[in-house]
């Protein structure tokens, strides 16, 4: 899943497309 919400898992960071940074995890 790609950044479902503020509570999305930190593992979602690498799953996101380039140029897009998930708000939940600074990783």
N, C-alpha and C. Protein backbone atom coordinates (compact mmCIF):
# COMPACT_ATOMS: atom_id res chain seq x y z
N UNK A 1 0.84 -1.22 0.00
CA UNK A 1 0.00 0.00 0.00
C UNK A 1 0.87 1.26 0.00
N UNK A 2 0.39 2.32 -0.58
CA UNK A 2 1.19 3.54 -0.62
C UNK A 2 0.62 4.63 0.27
N UNK A 3 1.29 4.84 1.41
CA UNK A 3 0.87 5.90 2.35
C UNK A 3 -0.64 5.92 2.56
N UNK A 4 -1.16 4.90 3.23
CA UNK A 4 -2.60 4.83 3.47
C UNK A 4 -3.06 6.00 4.33
N UNK A 5 -2.20 6.42 5.24
CA UNK A 5 -2.56 7.53 6.13
C UNK A 5 -1.43 7.84 7.08
N UNK A 6 -1.67 8.70 8.05
CA UNK A 6 -0.64 9.12 9.01
C UNK A 6 -0.16 7.94 9.85
N UNK A 7 -0.91 6.86 9.84
CA UNK A 7 -0.56 5.71 10.66
C UNK A 7 0.04 4.58 9.84
N UNK A 8 0.27 4.84 8.55
CA UNK A 8 0.80 3.80 7.68
C UNK A 8 2.16 3.31 8.17
N UNK A 9 2.47 2.07 7.89
CA UNK A 9 3.70 1.45 8.37
C UNK A 9 4.94 2.07 7.76
N UNK A 10 6.03 2.10 8.55
CA UNK A 10 7.30 2.68 8.09
C UNK A 10 7.85 1.91 6.89
N UNK A 11 7.42 0.66 6.73
CA UNK A 11 7.91 -0.15 5.62
C UNK A 11 7.35 0.36 4.30
N UNK A 12 6.36 1.24 4.38
CA UNK A 12 5.73 1.77 3.17
C UNK A 12 6.62 2.78 2.46
N UNK A 13 7.64 3.26 3.19
CA UNK A 13 8.53 4.28 2.63
C UNK A 13 9.17 3.83 1.32
N UNK A 14 9.84 2.67 1.32
CA UNK A 14 10.51 2.21 0.09
C UNK A 14 9.50 1.78 -0.97
N UNK A 15 8.27 1.58 -0.56
CA UNK A 15 7.24 1.12 -1.49
C UNK A 15 6.65 2.26 -2.31
N UNK A 16 6.94 3.47 -1.85
CA UNK A 16 6.38 4.64 -2.52
C UNK A 16 7.19 5.00 -3.77
N UNK A 17 6.55 5.61 -4.75
CA UNK A 17 7.21 6.01 -5.99
C UNK A 17 8.25 7.10 -5.74
N UNK A 18 9.26 7.17 -6.59
CA UNK A 18 10.33 8.15 -6.42
C UNK A 18 9.78 9.58 -6.45
N UNK A 19 10.29 10.41 -5.55
CA UNK A 19 9.85 11.79 -5.53
C UNK A 19 8.68 11.98 -4.57
N UNK A 20 8.19 10.87 -4.05
CA UNK A 20 7.08 10.96 -3.11
C UNK A 20 7.50 10.49 -1.73
N UNK A 21 7.35 11.35 -0.72
CA UNK A 21 7.76 10.98 0.63
C UNK A 21 6.56 10.81 1.55
N UNK A 22 6.36 9.61 2.06
CA UNK A 22 5.25 9.32 2.97
C UNK A 22 5.38 10.13 4.25
N UNK A 23 4.34 10.79 4.67
CA UNK A 23 4.38 11.63 5.87
C UNK A 23 4.66 10.85 7.15
N UNK A 24 4.15 9.63 7.28
CA UNK A 24 4.29 8.86 8.52
C UNK A 24 5.72 8.51 8.90
N UNK A 25 6.52 8.06 7.95
CA UNK A 25 7.84 7.57 8.31
C UNK A 25 9.02 8.27 7.64
N UNK A 26 9.86 8.93 8.45
CA UNK A 26 11.07 9.56 7.92
C UNK A 26 12.10 8.47 7.59
N UNK A 27 11.82 7.25 8.08
CA UNK A 27 12.69 6.10 7.87
C UNK A 27 14.14 6.42 8.26
